[in-house]
Amino acid sequence: MRLHATIVHGLSALAIFALAGCSQGSAASSGPMSSPTVPVRPDVESASALAPLSSTALAKLLLDKSDLGGDYTRMPQRAAAHDDVTVNCPALEKLGGNAATGTSLAFPRKAKASFAYAGGGNSELAEELYSDTAAKLSKGIGEIFDAMVSCPTYQVVSGSTVVTVGTQVTPAPDLGDEQWSQLLTYSIGGQRSVVKQTAIRIGNVLVLVSGAPGLVDANLEKALDKAEAAL
């Protein structure tokens, strides 16, 4: 069973969206990395005067096939069904239902794109862009990343489906104004899938790239360069 990166992308990497969207296929092959915490460089005050970008403007800054190459295919966004989800991580429970369903980054200005990669196995890559004040972006994503890594292992339950989630902080590249990165390991039905999730704040835009670790590493700077061109 493969947990689709497009379902667990963004802060929905709580694995909540993956519960109902698990399909037959091979598990991601990438393994975990080391996990020292990378200090961030907050400068939210200097970016506070920037007006947030609209969702339409953000959509134009998403990666597309011309940026990624012929091995990538754009995928339709899936609707998420997560009404009956529970999670046994106290920090995530404390954040409330939005965190547990992967919707805590409910900034009104956002855009998303998901891709399947056929160049080295069945892997996926997803990008999300958000825009708001620098302070709100920093607080919103920081709270959820902190909550997720506060429970090195926890379970997410949707109906009769149980997913075991392992979290591990990983080094974030020294890019942008603030950085967050982690590995999420999903285990279900004897299968294991690893998703890397890296978020970079550039002023009043948050770039969040998720998927197979190798694909995230290969395409993160492309996503940042494209987003930064609008600032």
C-alpha atoms as a PDB file:
ATOM      1  CA  MET A   1       0.000   0.000   0.000  1.00  0.00           C
ATOM      2  CA  ARG A   2       1.482   3.367  -1.005  1.00  0.00           C
ATOM      3  CA  LEU A   3       0.589   6.532   0.865  1.00  0.00           C
ATOM      4  CA  HIS A   4       0.317   9.154  -1.831  1.00  0.00           C
ATOM      5  CA  ALA A   5       2.452  12.254  -1.312  1.00  0.00           C
ATOM      6  CA  THR A   6      -0.312  14.291  -2.881  1.00  0.00           C
ATOM      7  CA  ILE A   7      -2.613  13.234  -0.074  1.00  0.00           C
ATOM      8  CA  VAL A   8      -0.105  13.749   2.711  1.00  0.00           C
ATOM      9  CA  HIS A   9       1.500  16.851   1.252  1.00  0.00           C
ATOM     10  CA  GLY A  10       1.643  20.076   3.146  1.00  0.00           C
ATOM     11  CA  LEU A  11       0.657  19.971   6.720  1.00  0.00           C
ATOM     12  CA  SER A  12      -1.723  17.235   5.764  1.00  0.00           C
ATOM     13  CA  ALA A  13       1.382  15.111   6.192  1.00  0.00           C
ATOM     14  CA  LEU A  14      -0.148  14.331   9.530  1.00  0.00           C
ATOM     15  CA  ALA A  15      -1.134  11.285   7.462  1.00  0.00           C
ATOM     16  CA  ILE A  16      -4.746  12.124   7.892  1.00  0.00           C
ATOM     17  CA  PHE A  17      -5.474  12.547   4.210  1.00  0.00           C
ATOM     18  CA  ALA A  18      -3.524   9.386   3.464  1.00  0.00           C
ATOM     19  CA  LEU A  19      -5.867   7.224   5.490  1.00  0.00           C
ATOM     20  CA  ALA A  20      -8.719   7.192   3.025  1.00  0.00           C
ATOM     21  CA  GLY A  21      -6.525   7.572  -0.054  1.00  0.00           C
ATOM     22  CA  CYS A  22      -4.175   4.634   0.357  1.00  0.00           C
ATOM     23  CA  SER A  23      -3.928   2.636  -2.875  1.00  0.00           C
ATOM     24  CA  GLN A  24      -2.157  -0.477  -4.116  1.00  0.00           C
ATOM     25  CA  GLY A  25       1.439   0.118  -5.219  1.00  0.00           C
ATOM     26  CA  SER A  26       5.023   0.100  -4.052  1.00  0.00           C
ATOM     27  CA  ALA A  27       6.161   1.928  -0.940  1.00  0.00           C
ATOM     28  CA  ALA A  28       8.552   4.858  -1.301  1.00  0.00           C
ATOM     29  CA  SER A  29      12.107   3.604  -1.292  1.00  0.00           C
ATOM     30  CA  SER A  30      13.948   6.497   0.308  1.00  0.00           C
ATOM     31  CA  GLY A  31      15.201   6.010   3.844  1.00  0.00           C
ATOM     32  CA  PRO A  32      15.462   8.390   6.811  1.00  0.00           C
ATOM     33  CA  MET A  33      18.248  10.911   7.259  1.00  0.00           C
ATOM     34  CA  SER A  34      19.980  12.388  10.296  1.00  0.00           C
ATOM     35  CA  SER A  35      17.955  14.827  12.362  1.00  0.00           C
ATOM     36  CA  PRO A  36      19.775  17.787  13.928  1.00  0.00           C
ATOM     37  CA  THR A  37      17.624  20.901  14.317  1.00  0.00           C
ATOM     38  CA  VAL A  38      18.550  23.772  12.031  1.00  0.00           C
ATOM     39  CA  PRO A  39      18.217  27.209  13.671  1.00  0.00           C
ATOM     40  CA  VAL A  40      15.913  29.565  11.842  1.00  0.00           C
ATOM     41  CA  ARG A  41      16.567  33.181  11.031  1.00  0.00           C
ATOM     42  CA  PRO A  42      13.360  35.000  11.929  1.00  0.00           C
ATOM     43  CA  ASP A  43      12.933  38.472  10.465  1.00  0.00           C
ATOM     44  CA  VAL A  44       9.202  38.753  10.547  1.00  0.00           C
ATOM     45  CA  GLU A  45       9.251  42.447  11.358  1.00  0.00           C
ATOM     46  CA  SER A  46      11.121  43.375   8.182  1.00  0.00           C
ATOM     47  CA  ALA A  47       8.575  41.510   6.065  1.00  0.00           C
ATOM     48  CA  SER A  48       5.484  42.672   7.911  1.00  0.00           C
ATOM     49  CA  ALA A  49       4.781  45.563   5.555  1.00  0.00           C
ATOM     50  CA  LEU A  50       4.537  43.353   2.455  1.00  0.00           C
ATOM     51  CA  ALA A  51       1.024  42.853   1.125  1.00  0.00           C
ATOM     52  CA  PRO A  52       0.045  39.170   0.842  1.00  0.00           C
ATOM     53  CA  LEU A  53      -0.194  37.752  -2.670  1.00  0.00           C
ATOM     54  CA  SER A  54      -3.548  36.575  -3.976  1.00  0.00           C
ATOM     55  CA  SER A  55      -4.315  32.915  -4.650  1.00  0.00           C
ATOM     56  CA  THR A  56      -4.330  33.714  -8.355  1.00  0.00           C
ATOM     57  CA  ALA A  57      -0.863  35.225  -8.128  1.00  0.00           C
ATOM     58  CA  LEU A  58       0.393  32.271  -6.102  1.00  0.00           C
ATOM     59  CA  ALA A  59      -0.948  29.787  -8.659  1.00  0.00           C
ATOM     60  CA  LYS A  60       1.249  31.379 -11.316  1.00  0.00           C
ATOM     61  CA  LEU A  61       4.307  30.729  -9.128  1.00  0.00           C
ATOM     62  CA  LEU A  62       3.778  26.977  -8.748  1.00  0.00           C
ATOM     63  CA  LEU A  63       6.140  24.559 -10.411  1.00  0.00           C
ATOM     64  CA  ASP A  64       4.908  23.101 -13.687  1.00  0.00           C
ATOM     65  CA  LYS A  65       6.095  20.442 -16.117  1.00  0.00           C
ATOM     66  CA  SER A  66       8.332  22.909 -17.923  1.00  0.00           C
ATOM     67  CA  ASP A  67      10.196  23.462 -14.649  1.00  0.00           C
ATOM     68  CA  LEU A  68      10.378  19.792 -13.689  1.00  0.00           C
ATOM     69  CA  GLY A  69      10.925  17.904 -16.935  1.00  0.00           C
ATOM     70  CA  GLY A  70       9.286  15.122 -18.894  1.00  0.00           C
ATOM     71  CA  ASP A  71       9.367  12.526 -16.106  1.00  0.00           C
ATOM     72  CA  TYR A  72       6.710  14.456 -14.171  1.00  0.00           C
ATOM     73  CA  THR A  73       2.952  14.385 -14.730  1.00  0.00           C
ATOM     74  CA  ARG A  74       0.570  16.903 -13.144  1.00  0.00           C
ATOM     75  CA  MET A  75      -2.016  15.184 -10.966  1.00  0.00           C
ATOM     76  CA  PRO A  76      -5.521  16.390 -10.090  1.00  0.00           C
ATOM     77  CA  GLN A  77      -6.084  17.494  -6.536  1.00  0.00           C
ATOM     78  CA  ARG A  78      -7.914  14.911  -4.480  1.00  0.00           C
ATOM     79  CA  ALA A  79     -10.768  15.766  -2.187  1.00  0.00           C
ATOM     80  CA  ALA A  80     -10.030  14.840   1.417  1.00  0.00           C
ATOM     81  CA  ALA A  81     -12.477  12.954   3.598  1.00  0.00           C
ATOM     82  CA  HIS A  82     -11.394  13.104   7.209  1.00  0.00           C
ATOM     83  CA  ASP A  83     -14.436  13.576   9.419  1.00  0.00           C
ATOM     84  CA  ASP A  84     -13.754  10.515  11.582  1.00  0.00           C
ATOM     85  CA  VAL A  85     -10.017  10.956  12.082  1.00  0.00           C
ATOM     86  CA  THR A  86      -8.396  10.713  15.514  1.00  0.00           C
ATOM     87  CA  VAL A  87      -4.739  11.090  16.435  1.00  0.00           C
ATOM     88  CA  ASN A  88      -3.084   9.968  19.661  1.00  0.00           C
ATOM     89  CA  CYS A  89      -0.478  12.739  19.893  1.00  0.00           C
ATOM     90  CA  PRO A  90      -1.332  15.196  22.715  1.00  0.00           C
ATOM     91  CA  ALA A  91       0.328  18.195  21.058  1.00  0.00           C
ATOM     92  CA  LEU A  92      -1.632  17.640  17.845  1.00  0.00           C
ATOM     93  CA  GLU A  93      -4.853  17.076  19.750  1.00  0.00           C
ATOM     94  CA  LYS A  94      -4.264  20.345  21.592  1.00  0.00           C
ATOM     95  CA  LEU A  95      -4.153  22.215  18.299  1.00  0.00           C
ATOM     96  CA  GLY A  96      -7.653  20.981  17.580  1.00  0.00           C
ATOM     97  CA  GLY A  97      -9.501  19.428  14.691  1.00  0.00           C
ATOM     98  CA  ASN A  98      -7.895  21.513  11.968  1.00  0.00           C
ATOM     99  CA  ALA A  99      -4.453  20.210  12.818  1.00  0.00           C
ATOM    100  CA  ALA A 100      -5.688  16.658  12.986  1.00  0.00           C
ATOM    101  CA  THR A 101      -7.182  16.929   9.519  1.00  0.00           C
ATOM    102  CA  GLY A 102      -4.272  18.702   7.912  1.00  0.00           C
ATOM    103  CA  THR A 103      -6.122  21.984   7.429  1.00  0.00           C
ATOM    104  CA  SER A 104      -4.349  24.150   9.996  1.00  0.00           C
ATOM    105  CA  LEU A 105      -2.631  26.149   7.261  1.00  0.00           C
ATOM    106  CA  ALA A 106      -6.027  27.555   6.398  1.00  0.00           C
ATOM    107  CA  PHE A 107      -4.632  30.795   5.056  1.00  0.00           C
ATOM    108  CA  PRO A 108      -7.112  32.204   2.532  1.00  0.00           C
ATOM    109  CA  ARG A 109      -4.377  32.865  -0.036  1.00  0.00           C
ATOM    110  CA  LYS A 110      -2.953  29.553  -1.232  1.00  0.00           C
ATOM    111  CA  ALA A 111      -2.178  27.412  -4.265  1.00  0.00           C
ATOM    112  CA  LYS A 112      -1.262  23.734  -4.669  1.00  0.00           C
ATOM    113  CA  ALA A 113       0.151  21.423  -7.308  1.00  0.00           C
ATOM    114  CA  SER A 114       0.939  17.698  -7.263  1.00  0.00           C
ATOM    115  CA  PHE A 115       3.046  15.599  -9.609  1.00  0.00           C
ATOM    116  CA  ALA A 116       3.739  11.923 -10.236  1.00  0.00           C
ATOM    117  CA  TYR A 117       7.355  11.060 -11.073  1.00  0.00           C
ATOM    118  CA  ALA A 118       8.049   8.113 -13.372  1.00  0.00           C
ATOM    119  CA  GLY A 119      11.811   8.501 -13.706  1.00  0.00           C
ATOM    120  CA  GLY A 120      12.788   6.322 -10.782  1.00  0.00           C
ATOM    121  CA  GLY A 121       9.778   4.401  -9.576  1.00  0.00           C
ATOM    122  CA  ASN A 122       6.323   5.441  -8.476  1.00  0.00           C
ATOM    123  CA  SER A 123       7.073   8.566  -6.465  1.00  0.00           C
ATOM    124  CA  GLU A 124       5.225  11.803  -6.011  1.00  0.00           C
ATOM    125  CA  LEU A 125       5.997  15.462  -5.365  1.00  0.00           C
ATOM    126  CA  ALA A 126       3.678  18.159  -4.077  1.00  0.00           C
ATOM    127  CA  GLU A 127       4.058  21.904  -3.662  1.00  0.00           C
ATOM    128  CA  GLU A 128       1.952  24.311  -1.655  1.00  0.00           C
ATOM    129  CA  LEU A 129       2.280  28.094  -1.584  1.00  0.00           C
ATOM    130  CA  TYR A 130       0.733  30.300   1.080  1.00  0.00           C
ATOM    131  CA  SER A 131       0.793  34.048   1.550  1.00  0.00           C
ATOM    132  CA  ASP A 132      -0.024  36.128   4.600  1.00  0.00           C
ATOM    133  CA  THR A 133       1.889  38.354   6.957  1.00  0.00           C
ATOM    134  CA  ALA A 134       5.302  36.956   7.784  1.00  0.00           C
ATOM    135  CA  ALA A 135       4.342  36.668  11.453  1.00  0.00           C
ATOM    136  CA  LYS A 136       1.201  34.631  10.738  1.00  0.00           C
ATOM    137  CA  LEU A 137       2.996  32.299   8.344  1.00  0.00           C
ATOM    138  CA  SER A 138       5.820  31.731  10.818  1.00  0.00           C
ATOM    139  CA  LYS A 139       3.480  31.075  13.715  1.00  0.00           C
ATOM    140  CA  GLY A 140       1.108  28.824  11.771  1.00  0.00           C
ATOM    141  CA  ILE A 141       3.643  26.434  10.313  1.00  0.00           C
ATOM    142  CA  GLY A 142       5.944  26.545  13.322  1.00  0.00           C
ATOM    143  CA  GLU A 143       3.206  25.407  15.681  1.00  0.00           C
ATOM    144  CA  ILE A 144       2.297  22.395  13.573  1.00  0.00           C
ATOM    145  CA  PHE A 145       5.855  21.301  12.849  1.00  0.00           C
ATOM    146  CA  ASP A 146       6.637  21.550  16.563  1.00  0.00           C
ATOM    147  CA  ALA A 147       3.521  19.571  17.454  1.00  0.00           C
ATOM    148  CA  MET A 148       4.286  16.844  14.946  1.00  0.00           C
ATOM    149  CA  VAL A 149       7.873  16.253  16.041  1.00  0.00           C
ATOM    150  CA  SER A 150       6.847  16.364  19.710  1.00  0.00           C
ATOM    151  CA  CYS A 151       5.515  12.820  19.191  1.00  0.00           C
ATOM    152  CA  PRO A 152       8.290  10.726  17.586  1.00  0.00           C
ATOM    153  CA  THR A 153       5.692   8.023  16.931  1.00  0.00           C
ATOM    154  CA  TYR A 154       1.917   8.244  17.000  1.00  0.00           C
ATOM    155  CA  GLN A 155      -1.106   6.628  15.407  1.00  0.00           C
ATOM    156  CA  VAL A 156      -3.791   8.110  13.224  1.00  0.00           C
ATOM    157  CA  VAL A 157      -7.116   6.296  13.040  1.00  0.00           C
ATOM    158  CA  SER A 158      -9.826   6.724  10.427  1.00  0.00           C
ATOM    159  CA  GLY A 159     -12.635   4.213  10.739  1.00  0.00           C
ATOM    160  CA  SER A 160     -10.965   0.798  10.811  1.00  0.00           C
ATOM    161  CA  THR A 161      -7.721   2.077   9.259  1.00  0.00           C
ATOM    162  CA  VAL A 162      -4.736   2.681  11.530  1.00  0.00           C
ATOM    163  CA  VAL A 163      -1.587   4.407  10.301  1.00  0.00           C
ATOM    164  CA  THR A 164       1.532   4.569  12.452  1.00  0.00           C
ATOM    165  CA  VAL A 165       3.433   7.798  11.864  1.00  0.00           C
ATOM    166  CA  GLY A 166       7.066   8.394  12.779  1.00  0.00           C
ATOM    167  CA  THR A 167       8.485  11.930  12.754  1.00  0.00           C
ATOM    168  CA  GLN A 168      12.078  13.077  12.598  1.00  0.00           C
ATOM    169  CA  VAL A 169      13.532  16.577  12.306  1.00  0.00           C
ATOM    170  CA  THR A 170      16.006  16.847   9.426  1.00  0.00           C
ATOM    171  CA  PRO A 171      18.493  19.557   8.438  1.00  0.00           C
ATOM    172  CA  ALA A 172      16.821  22.339   6.500  1.00  0.00           C
ATOM    173  CA  PRO A 173      18.768  24.175   3.807  1.00  0.00           C
ATOM    174  CA  ASP A 174      19.927  27.663   4.710  1.00  0.00           C
ATOM    175  CA  LEU A 175      17.515  29.380   2.342  1.00  0.00           C
ATOM    176  CA  GLY A 176      14.958  32.133   2.691  1.00  0.00           C
ATOM    177  CA  ASP A 177      14.127  33.758   6.020  1.00  0.00           C
ATOM    178  CA  GLU A 178      12.986  30.708   8.016  1.00  0.00           C
ATOM    179  CA  GLN A 179      13.262  26.992   7.420  1.00  0.00           C
ATOM    180  CA  TRP A 180      11.600  23.812   8.676  1.00  0.00           C
ATOM    181  CA  SER A 181      12.181  20.236   7.549  1.00  0.00           C
ATOM    182  CA  GLN A 182      11.174  16.772   8.690  1.00  0.00           C
ATOM    183  CA  LEU A 183      10.801  13.169   7.588  1.00  0.00           C
ATOM    184  CA  LEU A 184       7.496  11.388   8.077  1.00  0.00           C
ATOM    185  CA  THR A 185       7.400   7.608   7.989  1.00  0.00           C
ATOM    186  CA  TYR A 186       3.992   6.015   7.460  1.00  0.00           C
ATOM    187  CA  SER A 187       3.417   2.349   8.254  1.00  0.00           C
ATOM    188  CA  ILE A 188       0.243   0.530   7.319  1.00  0.00           C
ATOM    189  CA  GLY A 189      -0.509  -3.065   6.443  1.00  0.00           C
ATOM    190  CA  GLY A 190       3.139  -4.093   6.655  1.00  0.00           C
ATOM    191  CA  GLN A 191       4.182  -1.432   4.135  1.00  0.00           C
ATOM    192  CA  ARG A 192       6.297   1.641   4.817  1.00  0.00           C
ATOM    193  CA  SER A 193       6.414   4.986   3.041  1.00  0.00           C
ATOM    194  CA  VAL A 194       8.771   7.908   3.723  1.00  0.00           C
ATOM    195  CA  VAL A 195       7.820  11.482   2.915  1.00  0.00           C
ATOM    196  CA  LYS A 196      10.080  14.491   3.308  1.00  0.00           C
ATOM    197  CA  GLN A 197       8.517  17.844   4.032  1.00  0.00           C
ATOM    198  CA  THR A 198      10.481  21.092   3.798  1.00  0.00           C
ATOM    199  CA  ALA A 199       9.021  24.554   4.315  1.00  0.00           C
ATOM    200  CA  ILE A 200      10.802  27.811   3.561  1.00  0.00           C
ATOM    201  CA  ARG A 201       9.419  31.251   4.322  1.00  0.00           C
ATOM    202  CA  ILE A 202      10.492  34.033   1.986  1.00  0.00           C
ATOM    203  CA  GLY A 203       9.025  37.266   3.268  1.00  0.00           C
ATOM    204  CA  ASN A 204       5.265  36.921   3.081  1.00  0.00           C
ATOM    205  CA  VAL A 205       5.270  33.682   1.072  1.00  0.00           C
ATOM    206  CA  LEU A 206       5.597  30.176   2.471  1.00  0.00           C
ATOM    207  CA  VAL A 207       6.866  27.476   0.114  1.00  0.00           C
ATOM    208  CA  LEU A 208       6.103  23.929   1.236  1.00  0.00           C
ATOM    209  CA  VAL A 209       7.457  20.994  -0.775  1.00  0.00           C
ATOM    210  CA  SER A 210       6.638  17.392   0.142  1.00  0.00           C
ATOM    211  CA  GLY A 211       7.179  13.953  -1.309  1.00  0.00           C
ATOM    212  CA  ALA A 212       9.882  11.389  -1.878  1.00  0.00           C
ATOM    213  CA  PRO A 213      13.020  12.774  -0.169  1.00  0.00           C
ATOM    214  CA  GLY A 214      15.144  12.722  -3.311  1.00  0.00           C
ATOM    215  CA  LEU A 215      12.498  14.609  -5.299  1.00  0.00           C
ATOM    216  CA  VAL A 216      12.122  17.249  -2.597  1.00  0.00           C
ATOM    217  CA  ASP A 217      15.875  17.819  -2.478  1.00  0.00           C
ATOM    218  CA  ALA A 218      16.113  18.010  -6.269  1.00  0.00           C
ATOM    219  CA  ASN A 219      13.284  20.495  -6.759  1.00  0.00           C
ATOM    220  CA  LEU A 220      13.150  22.675  -3.640  1.00  0.00           C
ATOM    221  CA  GLU A 221      15.377  25.436  -4.981  1.00  0.00           C
ATOM    222  CA  LYS A 222      13.436  25.518  -8.254  1.00  0.00           C
ATOM    223  CA  ALA A 223      10.258  26.158  -6.255  1.00  0.00           C
ATOM    224  CA  LEU A 224      11.949  28.853  -4.164  1.00  0.00           C
ATOM    225  CA  ASP A 225      13.453  30.627  -7.168  1.00  0.00           C
ATOM    226  CA  LYS A 226      10.096  30.740  -8.921  1.00  0.00           C
ATOM    227  CA  ALA A 227       8.296  32.059  -5.831  1.00  0.00           C
ATOM    228  CA  GLU A 228      10.998  34.581  -4.994  1.00  0.00           C
ATOM    229  CA  ALA A 229      10.817  36.091  -8.469  1.00  0.00           C
ATOM    230  CA  ALA A 230       7.481  37.645  -7.513  1.00  0.00           C
ATOM    231  CA  LEU A 231       8.743  39.343  -4.363  1.00  0.00           C
END
